[in-house]
PDB file of N, CA and C in Angstrom:
ATOM      1  N   MET A   1       0.657  -1.249  -0.355  1.00  0.00           N
ATOM      2  CA  MET A   1      -0.102   0.016   0.311  1.00  0.00           C
ATOM      3  C   MET A   1       0.923   1.225  -0.164  1.00  0.00           C
ATOM      4  N   THR A   2       0.450   2.284  -0.371  1.00  0.00           N
ATOM      5  CA  THR A   2       1.149   3.642  -0.757  1.00  0.00           C
ATOM      6  C   THR A   2       0.441   4.584  -0.085  1.00  0.00           C
ATOM      7  N   VAL A   3       1.142   5.472   0.781  1.00  0.00           N
ATOM      8  CA  VAL A   3       0.599   6.540   1.573  1.00  0.00           C
ATOM      9  C   VAL A   3      -0.050   7.590   0.598  1.00  0.00           C
ATOM     10  N   GLY A   4      -1.286   8.027   0.854  1.00  0.00           N
ATOM     11  CA  GLY A   4      -1.867   9.253  -0.087  1.00  0.00           C
ATOM     12  C   GLY A   4      -2.719   8.469  -1.379  1.00  0.00           C
ATOM     13  N   LYS A   5      -2.643   7.270  -1.265  1.00  0.00           N
ATOM     14  CA  LYS A   5      -3.473   6.313  -2.514  1.00  0.00           C
ATOM     15  C   LYS A   5      -4.821   5.856  -1.698  1.00  0.00           C
ATOM     16  N   LYS A   6      -5.828   5.790  -2.564  1.00  0.00           N
ATOM     17  CA  LYS A   6      -6.868   5.265  -2.396  1.00  0.00           C
ATOM     18  C   LYS A   6      -7.132   3.872  -2.612  1.00  0.00           C
ATOM     19  N   TYR A   7      -7.837   3.027  -1.742  1.00  0.00           N
ATOM     20  CA  TYR A   7      -7.781   1.760  -1.781  1.00  0.00           C
ATOM     21  C   TYR A   7      -9.368   1.396  -1.429  1.00  0.00           C
ATOM     22  N   ILE A   8      -9.716   0.059  -1.825  1.00  0.00           N
ATOM     23  CA  ILE A   8     -10.755  -0.475  -1.367  1.00  0.00           C
ATOM     24  C   ILE A   8     -10.259  -1.746  -0.431  1.00  0.00           C
ATOM     25  N   CYS A   9     -10.485  -1.949   0.683  1.00  0.00           N
ATOM     26  CA  CYS A   9      -9.987  -2.874   1.653  1.00  0.00           C
ATOM     27  C   CYS A   9     -10.943  -3.688   2.091  1.00  0.00           C
ATOM     28  N   VAL A  10     -10.926  -5.222   1.934  1.00  0.00           N
ATOM     29  CA  VAL A  10     -11.899  -5.948   1.994  1.00  0.00           C
ATOM     30  C   VAL A  10     -11.110  -6.737   3.262  1.00  0.00           C
ATOM     31  N   LEU A  11     -11.965  -6.760   4.512  1.00  0.00           N
ATOM     32  CA  LEU A  11     -11.180  -6.962   5.820  1.00  0.00           C
ATOM     33  C   LEU A  11     -12.106  -8.154   6.177  1.00  0.00           C
ATOM     34  N   GLN A  12     -11.616  -9.096   7.137  1.00  0.00           N
ATOM     35  CA  GLN A  12     -12.387 -10.210   7.571  1.00  0.00           C
ATOM     36  C   GLN A  12     -13.900  -9.792   8.201  1.00  0.00           C
ATOM     37  N   ARG A  13     -14.655 -10.906   8.106  1.00  0.00           N
ATOM     38  CA  ARG A  13     -15.799 -10.722   8.640  1.00  0.00           C
ATOM     39  C   ARG A  13     -16.994  -9.820   7.904  1.00  0.00           C
ATOM     40  N   GLY A  14     -16.447  -9.841   6.379  1.00  0.00           N
ATOM     41  CA  GLY A  14     -17.308  -9.131   5.433  1.00  0.00           C
ATOM     42  C   GLY A  14     -17.242  -7.840   5.378  1.00  0.00           C
ATOM     43  N   TRP A  15     -16.350  -6.998   6.003  1.00  0.00           N
ATOM     44  CA  TRP A  15     -16.149  -5.312   6.046  1.00  0.00           C
ATOM     45  C   TRP A  15     -15.331  -4.920   5.034  1.00  0.00           C
ATOM     46  N   VAL A  16     -16.182  -3.904   4.100  1.00  0.00           N
ATOM     47  CA  VAL A  16     -15.465  -3.584   2.782  1.00  0.00           C
ATOM     48  C   VAL A  16     -15.280  -1.865   3.359  1.00  0.00           C
ATOM     49  N   ILE A  17     -14.164  -1.428   3.186  1.00  0.00           N
ATOM     50  CA  ILE A  17     -13.726  -0.091   3.678  1.00  0.00           C
ATOM     51  C   ILE A  17     -12.986   0.581   2.358  1.00  0.00           C
ATOM     52  N   VAL A  18     -13.359   1.688   1.961  1.00  0.00           N
ATOM     53  CA  VAL A  18     -12.588   2.444   0.987  1.00  0.00           C
ATOM     54  C   VAL A  18     -12.155   3.816   1.653  1.00  0.00           C
ATOM     55  N   GLY A  19     -11.009   4.236   1.330  1.00  0.00           N
ATOM     56  CA  GLY A  19     -10.202   5.191   1.605  1.00  0.00           C
ATOM     57  C   GLY A  19      -8.938   5.495   1.591  1.00  0.00           C
ATOM     58  N   THR A  20      -8.359   6.650   1.906  1.00  0.00           N
ATOM     59  CA  THR A  20      -7.124   6.949   1.575  1.00  0.00           C
ATOM     60  C   THR A  20      -5.944   6.781   2.549  1.00  0.00           C
ATOM     61  N   VAL A  21      -4.829   6.047   1.976  1.00  0.00           N
ATOM     62  CA  VAL A  21      -3.872   5.623   3.156  1.00  0.00           C
ATOM     63  C   VAL A  21      -3.013   6.539   3.836  1.00  0.00           C
ATOM     64  N   GLU A  22      -3.388   6.685   5.258  1.00  0.00           N
ATOM     65  CA  GLU A  22      -2.620   7.570   6.000  1.00  0.00           C
ATOM     66  C   GLU A  22      -1.128   7.308   6.315  1.00  0.00           C
ATOM     67  N   SER A  23      -1.436   5.843   6.983  1.00  0.00           N
ATOM     68  CA  SER A  23       0.038   5.260   7.304  1.00  0.00           C
ATOM     69  C   SER A  23      -0.217   3.935   7.299  1.00  0.00           C
ATOM     70  N   VAL A  24       1.066   3.292   7.146  1.00  0.00           N
ATOM     71  CA  VAL A  24       1.152   1.705   7.385  1.00  0.00           C
ATOM     72  C   VAL A  24       2.297   1.357   8.019  1.00  0.00           C
ATOM     73  N   ASN A  25       2.052   0.459   9.163  1.00  0.00           N
ATOM     74  CA  ASN A  25       3.087  -0.277   9.743  1.00  0.00           C
ATOM     75  C   ASN A  25       3.020  -1.495   9.945  1.00  0.00           C
ATOM     76  N   THR A  26       3.491  -2.395  11.134  1.00  0.00           N
ATOM     77  CA  THR A  26       3.227  -3.709  11.179  1.00  0.00           C
ATOM     78  C   THR A  26       1.911  -4.085  11.979  1.00  0.00           C
ATOM     79  N   ARG A  27       1.549  -3.029  12.957  1.00  0.00           N
ATOM     80  CA  ARG A  27       0.794  -3.074  13.798  1.00  0.00           C
ATOM     81  C   ARG A  27      -0.680  -2.427  13.350  1.00  0.00           C
ATOM     82  N   GLU A  28      -0.705  -1.473  12.484  1.00  0.00           N
ATOM     83  CA  GLU A  28      -1.782  -0.751  12.096  1.00  0.00           C
ATOM     84  C   GLU A  28      -1.856  -0.383  10.602  1.00  0.00           C
ATOM     85  N   ILE A  29      -2.860  -0.400   9.941  1.00  0.00           N
ATOM     86  CA  ILE A  29      -3.329   0.532   8.816  1.00  0.00           C
ATOM     87  C   ILE A  29      -4.147   1.587   9.050  1.00  0.00           C
ATOM     88  N   VAL A  30      -4.049   2.738   8.579  1.00  0.00           N
ATOM     89  CA  VAL A  30      -4.859   3.873   8.837  1.00  0.00           C
ATOM     90  C   VAL A  30      -5.496   4.460   7.290  1.00  0.00           C
ATOM     91  N   LEU A  31      -6.785   4.608   7.475  1.00  0.00           N
ATOM     92  CA  LEU A  31      -7.395   5.086   6.303  1.00  0.00           C
ATOM     93  C   LEU A  31      -8.005   6.518   6.891  1.00  0.00           C
ATOM     94  N   LYS A  32      -7.770   7.508   6.188  1.00  0.00           N
ATOM     95  CA  LYS A  32      -8.471   8.510   6.400  1.00  0.00           C
ATOM     96  C   LYS A  32      -9.515   9.301   5.536  1.00  0.00           C
ATOM     97  N   ASN A  33     -10.545   9.733   5.569  1.00  0.00           N
ATOM     98  CA  ASN A  33     -11.706   9.970   4.833  1.00  0.00           C
ATOM     99  C   ASN A  33     -12.332   8.702   4.306  1.00  0.00           C
ATOM    100  N   ALA A  34     -12.553   7.819   5.180  1.00  0.00           N
ATOM    101  CA  ALA A  34     -12.804   6.074   4.826  1.00  0.00           C
ATOM    102  C   ALA A  34     -14.314   6.290   4.924  1.00  0.00           C
ATOM    103  N   ALA A  35     -14.943   5.477   4.189  1.00  0.00           N
ATOM    104  CA  ALA A  35     -16.428   4.895   3.880  1.00  0.00           C
ATOM    105  C   ALA A  35     -16.322   3.464   3.811  1.00  0.00           C
ATOM    106  N   SER A  36     -17.671   2.910   4.672  1.00  0.00           N
ATOM    107  CA  SER A  36     -17.896   1.724   4.583  1.00  0.00           C
ATOM    108  C   SER A  36     -18.916   1.360   3.226  1.00  0.00           C
ATOM    109  N   VAL A  37     -18.435   0.257   2.819  1.00  0.00           N
ATOM    110  CA  VAL A  37     -19.370  -0.087   1.293  1.00  0.00           C
ATOM    111  C   VAL A  37     -20.208  -1.098   1.883  1.00  0.00           C
ATOM    112  N   LEU A  38     -21.605  -0.683   1.784  1.00  0.00           N
ATOM    113  CA  LEU A  38     -22.686  -2.056   1.902  1.00  0.00           C
ATOM    114  C   LEU A  38     -23.693  -1.794   0.495  1.00  0.00           C
ATOM    115  N   GLY A  39     -24.037  -3.094   0.366  1.00  0.00           N
ATOM    116  CA  GLY A  39     -25.117  -3.565  -0.750  1.00  0.00           C
ATOM    117  C   GLY A  39     -24.346  -3.510  -1.979  1.00  0.00           C
ATOM    118  N   GLN A  40     -23.081  -3.916  -1.927  1.00  0.00           N
ATOM    119  CA  GLN A  40     -22.202  -4.234  -3.349  1.00  0.00           C
ATOM    120  C   GLN A  40     -22.790  -5.494  -3.831  1.00  0.00           C
ATOM    121  N   THR A  41     -23.354  -5.402  -4.711  1.00  0.00           N
ATOM    122  CA  THR A  41     -23.950  -7.010  -5.311  1.00  0.00           C
ATOM    123  C   THR A  41     -23.279  -7.209  -6.963  1.00  0.00           C
ATOM    124  N   GLY A  42     -22.726  -6.192  -7.219  1.00  0.00           N
ATOM    125  CA  GLY A  42     -21.725  -6.738  -8.536  1.00  0.00           C
ATOM    126  C   GLY A  42     -20.393  -6.837  -8.229  1.00  0.00           C
ATOM    127  N   ASP A  43     -19.548  -6.642  -9.300  1.00  0.00           N
ATOM    128  CA  ASP A  43     -17.861  -6.794  -8.999  1.00  0.00           C
ATOM    129  C   ASP A  43     -17.635  -5.737  -8.465  1.00  0.00           C
ATOM    130  N   ILE A  44     -16.919  -6.323  -7.401  1.00  0.00           N
ATOM    131  CA  ILE A  44     -16.029  -5.362  -6.504  1.00  0.00           C
ATOM    132  C   ILE A  44     -14.915  -4.822  -7.306  1.00  0.00           C
ATOM    133  N   GLY A  45     -14.355  -5.204  -8.363  1.00  0.00           N
ATOM    134  CA  GLY A  45     -13.215  -4.551  -9.231  1.00  0.00           C
ATOM    135  C   GLY A  45     -14.096  -3.329 -10.252  1.00  0.00           C
ATOM    136  N   ARG A  46     -14.952  -3.641 -10.469  1.00  0.00           N
ATOM    137  CA  ARG A  46     -15.849  -2.513 -11.271  1.00  0.00           C
ATOM    138  C   ARG A  46     -15.888  -1.289 -10.125  1.00  0.00           C
ATOM    139  N   LEU A  47     -16.422  -1.448  -8.901  1.00  0.00           N
ATOM    140  CA  LEU A  47     -16.472  -0.356  -7.815  1.00  0.00           C
ATOM    141  C   LEU A  47     -15.135   0.281  -7.917  1.00  0.00           C
ATOM    142  N   ALA A  48     -13.845  -0.289  -8.081  1.00  0.00           N
ATOM    143  CA  ALA A  48     -12.578   0.183  -7.845  1.00  0.00           C
ATOM    144  C   ALA A  48     -12.321   0.955  -9.091  1.00  0.00           C
ATOM    145  N   LEU A  49     -12.857   0.644 -10.234  1.00  0.00           N
ATOM    146  CA  LEU A  49     -12.572   1.359 -11.112  1.00  0.00           C
ATOM    147  C   LEU A  49     -13.515   2.496 -11.643  1.00  0.00           C
ATOM    148  N   ASP A  50     -14.938   2.400 -11.595  1.00  0.00           N
ATOM    149  CA  ASP A  50     -15.798   2.873 -11.833  1.00  0.00           C
ATOM    150  C   ASP A  50     -16.321   3.920 -10.736  1.00  0.00           C
ATOM    151  N   GLY A  51     -15.811   3.755  -9.334  1.00  0.00           N
ATOM    152  CA  GLY A  51     -16.331   4.513  -8.286  1.00  0.00           C
ATOM    153  C   GLY A  51     -17.513   4.005  -7.640  1.00  0.00           C
ATOM    154  N   PRO A  52     -18.251   4.673  -6.972  1.00  0.00           N
ATOM    155  CA  PRO A  52     -19.540   4.073  -6.413  1.00  0.00           C
ATOM    156  C   PRO A  52     -20.765   4.019  -7.340  1.00  0.00           C
ATOM    157  N   ALA A  53     -21.510   3.232  -7.187  1.00  0.00           N
ATOM    158  CA  ALA A  53     -22.504   3.115  -8.329  1.00  0.00           C
ATOM    159  C   ALA A  53     -23.818   3.025  -7.620  1.00  0.00           C
ATOM    160  N   ASN A  54     -24.764   3.387  -8.487  1.00  0.00           N
ATOM    161  CA  ASN A  54     -26.252   3.269  -7.800  1.00  0.00           C
ATOM    162  C   ASN A  54     -26.519   2.133  -6.965  1.00  0.00           C
ATOM    163  N   HIS A  55     -25.993   1.024  -6.967  1.00  0.00           N
ATOM    164  CA  HIS A  55     -26.202  -0.601  -6.611  1.00  0.00           C
ATOM    165  C   HIS A  55     -25.443  -0.776  -5.385  1.00  0.00           C
ATOM    166  N   ALA A  56     -24.253   0.301  -5.080  1.00  0.00           N
ATOM    167  CA  ALA A  56     -23.421   0.115  -3.844  1.00  0.00           C
ATOM    168  C   ALA A  56     -23.733   1.292  -2.921  1.00  0.00           C
ATOM    169  N   GLN A  57     -23.836   1.061  -1.451  1.00  0.00           N
ATOM    170  CA  GLN A  57     -23.903   2.401  -0.889  1.00  0.00           C
ATOM    171  C   GLN A  57     -22.898   2.669   0.110  1.00  0.00           C
ATOM    172  N   VAL A  58     -22.366   4.042   0.279  1.00  0.00           N
ATOM    173  CA  VAL A  58     -21.015   4.250   0.706  1.00  0.00           C
ATOM    174  C   VAL A  58     -21.509   5.148   1.588  1.00  0.00           C
ATOM    175  N   TYR A  59     -20.843   4.809   2.857  1.00  0.00           N
ATOM    176  CA  TYR A  59     -21.416   5.519   4.008  1.00  0.00           C
ATOM    177  C   TYR A  59     -19.859   6.144   4.698  1.00  0.00           C
ATOM    178  N   PRO A  60     -19.680   7.632   4.701  1.00  0.00           N
ATOM    179  CA  PRO A  60     -18.493   7.780   5.583  1.00  0.00           C
ATOM    180  C   PRO A  60     -18.363   7.565   7.042  1.00  0.00           C
ATOM    181  N   CYS A  61     -16.915   7.538   7.236  1.00  0.00           N
ATOM    182  CA  CYS A  61     -16.940   6.626   8.440  1.00  0.00           C
ATOM    183  C   CYS A  61     -15.484   7.363   9.228  1.00  0.00           C
ATOM    184  N   GLY A  62     -15.132   8.577   8.786  1.00  0.00           N
ATOM    185  CA  GLY A  62     -14.110   9.224   9.111  1.00  0.00           C
ATOM    186  C   GLY A  62     -12.779   8.390   8.986  1.00  0.00           C
ATOM    187  N   THR A  63     -11.860   8.534  10.224  1.00  0.00           N
ATOM    188  CA  THR A  63     -10.766   7.434  10.159  1.00  0.00           C
ATOM    189  C   THR A  63     -10.732   6.063  10.720  1.00  0.00           C
ATOM    190  N   VAL A  64     -10.316   5.142   9.749  1.00  0.00           N
ATOM    191  CA  VAL A  64     -10.456   3.544  10.399  1.00  0.00           C
ATOM    192  C   VAL A  64      -9.127   3.164  10.457  1.00  0.00           C
ATOM    193  N   ARG A  65      -8.868   2.638  11.509  1.00  0.00           N
ATOM    194  CA  ARG A  65      -7.710   1.689  11.998  1.00  0.00           C
ATOM    195  C   ARG A  65      -8.061   0.336  11.828  1.00  0.00           C
ATOM    196  N   PHE A  66      -6.717  -0.704  11.280  1.00  0.00           N
ATOM    197  CA  PHE A  66      -7.120  -2.287  11.357  1.00  0.00           C
ATOM    198  C   PHE A  66      -5.776  -2.467  11.197  1.00  0.00           C
ATOM    199  N   HIS A  67      -5.572  -3.820  11.942  1.00  0.00           N
ATOM    200  CA  HIS A  67      -4.541  -4.636  12.045  1.00  0.00           C
ATOM    201  C   HIS A  67      -4.094  -5.077  10.422  1.00  0.00           C
ATOM    202  N   PRO A  68      -3.084  -5.218   9.866  1.00  0.00           N
ATOM    203  CA  PRO A  68      -3.087  -5.555   8.558  1.00  0.00           C
ATOM    204  C   PRO A  68      -3.215  -7.128   8.215  1.00  0.00           C
ATOM    205  N   LEU A  69      -3.110  -7.972   9.456  1.00  0.00           N
ATOM    206  CA  LEU A  69      -3.330  -9.678   9.338  1.00  0.00           C
ATOM    207  C   LEU A  69      -4.864  -9.525   9.479  1.00  0.00           C
ATOM    208  N   THR A  70      -5.733  -8.710   9.463  1.00  0.00           N
ATOM    209  CA  THR A  70      -7.095  -8.528   9.424  1.00  0.00           C
ATOM    210  C   THR A  70      -7.630  -8.703   8.045  1.00  0.00           C
ATOM    211  N   SER A  71      -6.913  -8.227   7.032  1.00  0.00           N
ATOM    212  CA  SER A  71      -7.421  -7.927   5.755  1.00  0.00           C
ATOM    213  C   SER A  71      -7.032  -9.228   4.900  1.00  0.00           C
ATOM    214  N   CYS A  72      -8.093  -9.203   3.724  1.00  0.00           N
ATOM    215  CA  CYS A  72      -7.820 -10.241   3.133  1.00  0.00           C
ATOM    216  C   CYS A  72      -7.307  -9.768   1.390  1.00  0.00           C
ATOM    217  N   PHE A  73      -7.653  -8.628   1.056  1.00  0.00           N
ATOM    218  CA  PHE A  73      -7.199  -8.232   0.041  1.00  0.00           C
ATOM    219  C   PHE A  73      -7.515  -6.603  -0.381  1.00  0.00           C
ATOM    220  N   TYR A  74      -6.700  -6.007  -1.232  1.00  0.00           N
ATOM    221  CA  TYR A  74      -6.577  -4.751  -1.314  1.00  0.00           C
ATOM    222  C   TYR A  74      -7.114  -4.404  -2.969  1.00  0.00           C
ATOM    223  N   LEU A  75      -7.835  -3.165  -3.239  1.00  0.00           N
ATOM    224  CA  LEU A  75      -8.031  -2.954  -4.735  1.00  0.00           C
ATOM    225  C   LEU A  75      -7.232  -1.452  -4.771  1.00  0.00           C
ATOM    226  N   ASP A  76      -6.726  -1.251  -5.865  1.00  0.00           N
ATOM    227  CA  ASP A  76      -6.243   0.205  -5.954  1.00  0.00           C
ATOM    228  C   ASP A  76      -7.761   0.976  -6.965  1.00  0.00           C
ATOM    229  N   CYS A  77      -7.879   2.107  -6.387  1.00  0.00           N
ATOM    230  CA  CYS A  77      -9.148   2.840  -6.617  1.00  0.00           C
ATOM    231  C   CYS A  77      -8.366   3.653  -7.916  1.00  0.00           C
ATOM    232  N   ASN A  78      -9.354   4.020  -8.780  1.00  0.00           N
ATOM    233  CA  ASN A  78      -9.090   4.752  -9.995  1.00  0.00           C
ATOM    234  C   ASN A  78      -9.579   6.089  -9.434  1.00  0.00           C
ATOM    235  N   PRO A  79      -8.381   6.956  -9.519  1.00  0.00           N
ATOM    236  CA  PRO A  79      -8.478   8.372  -9.002  1.00  0.00           C
ATOM    237  C   PRO A  79      -9.645   9.259  -9.387  1.00  0.00           C
ATOM    238  N   GLU A  80      -9.796   9.163 -10.834  1.00  0.00           N
ATOM    239  CA  GLU A  80     -10.832  10.106 -11.456  1.00  0.00           C
ATOM    240  C   GLU A  80     -12.097   9.733 -11.057  1.00  0.00           C
ATOM    241  N   ALA A  81     -12.017   8.289 -10.853  1.00  0.00           N
ATOM    242  CA  ALA A  81     -13.798   7.610 -10.641  1.00  0.00           C
ATOM    243  C   ALA A  81     -14.015   8.127  -8.968  1.00  0.00           C
ATOM    244  N   TRP A  82     -13.029   7.947  -8.177  1.00  0.00           N
ATOM    245  CA  TRP A  82     -13.523   8.530  -6.754  1.00  0.00           C
ATOM    246  C   TRP A  82     -13.034   9.628  -6.302  1.00  0.00           C
ATOM    247  N   GLY A  83     -12.754  10.561  -7.055  1.00  0.00           N
ATOM    248  CA  GLY A  83     -12.749  12.093  -6.905  1.00  0.00           C
ATOM    249  C   GLY A  83     -11.717  12.362  -5.887  1.00  0.00           C
TER     250      GLY A  83
END
């Protein structure tokens, strides 16, 4: 992960968070201006490329911190689609 870049993070227990990386270390990853993604019924890769669509609900949640081992995978977000 690169500081300053926006990612979709798929975490354990079904959490999907999108946000800009503020810091990364062995204990935590911090996302600023984060939002939880709910109701994603289509391809999550398309969400990363095209931004939020009508079928995905994105709810702002401020700053999110999680342990790196709780993540399943990350997707790079298209900066133009996510603003």
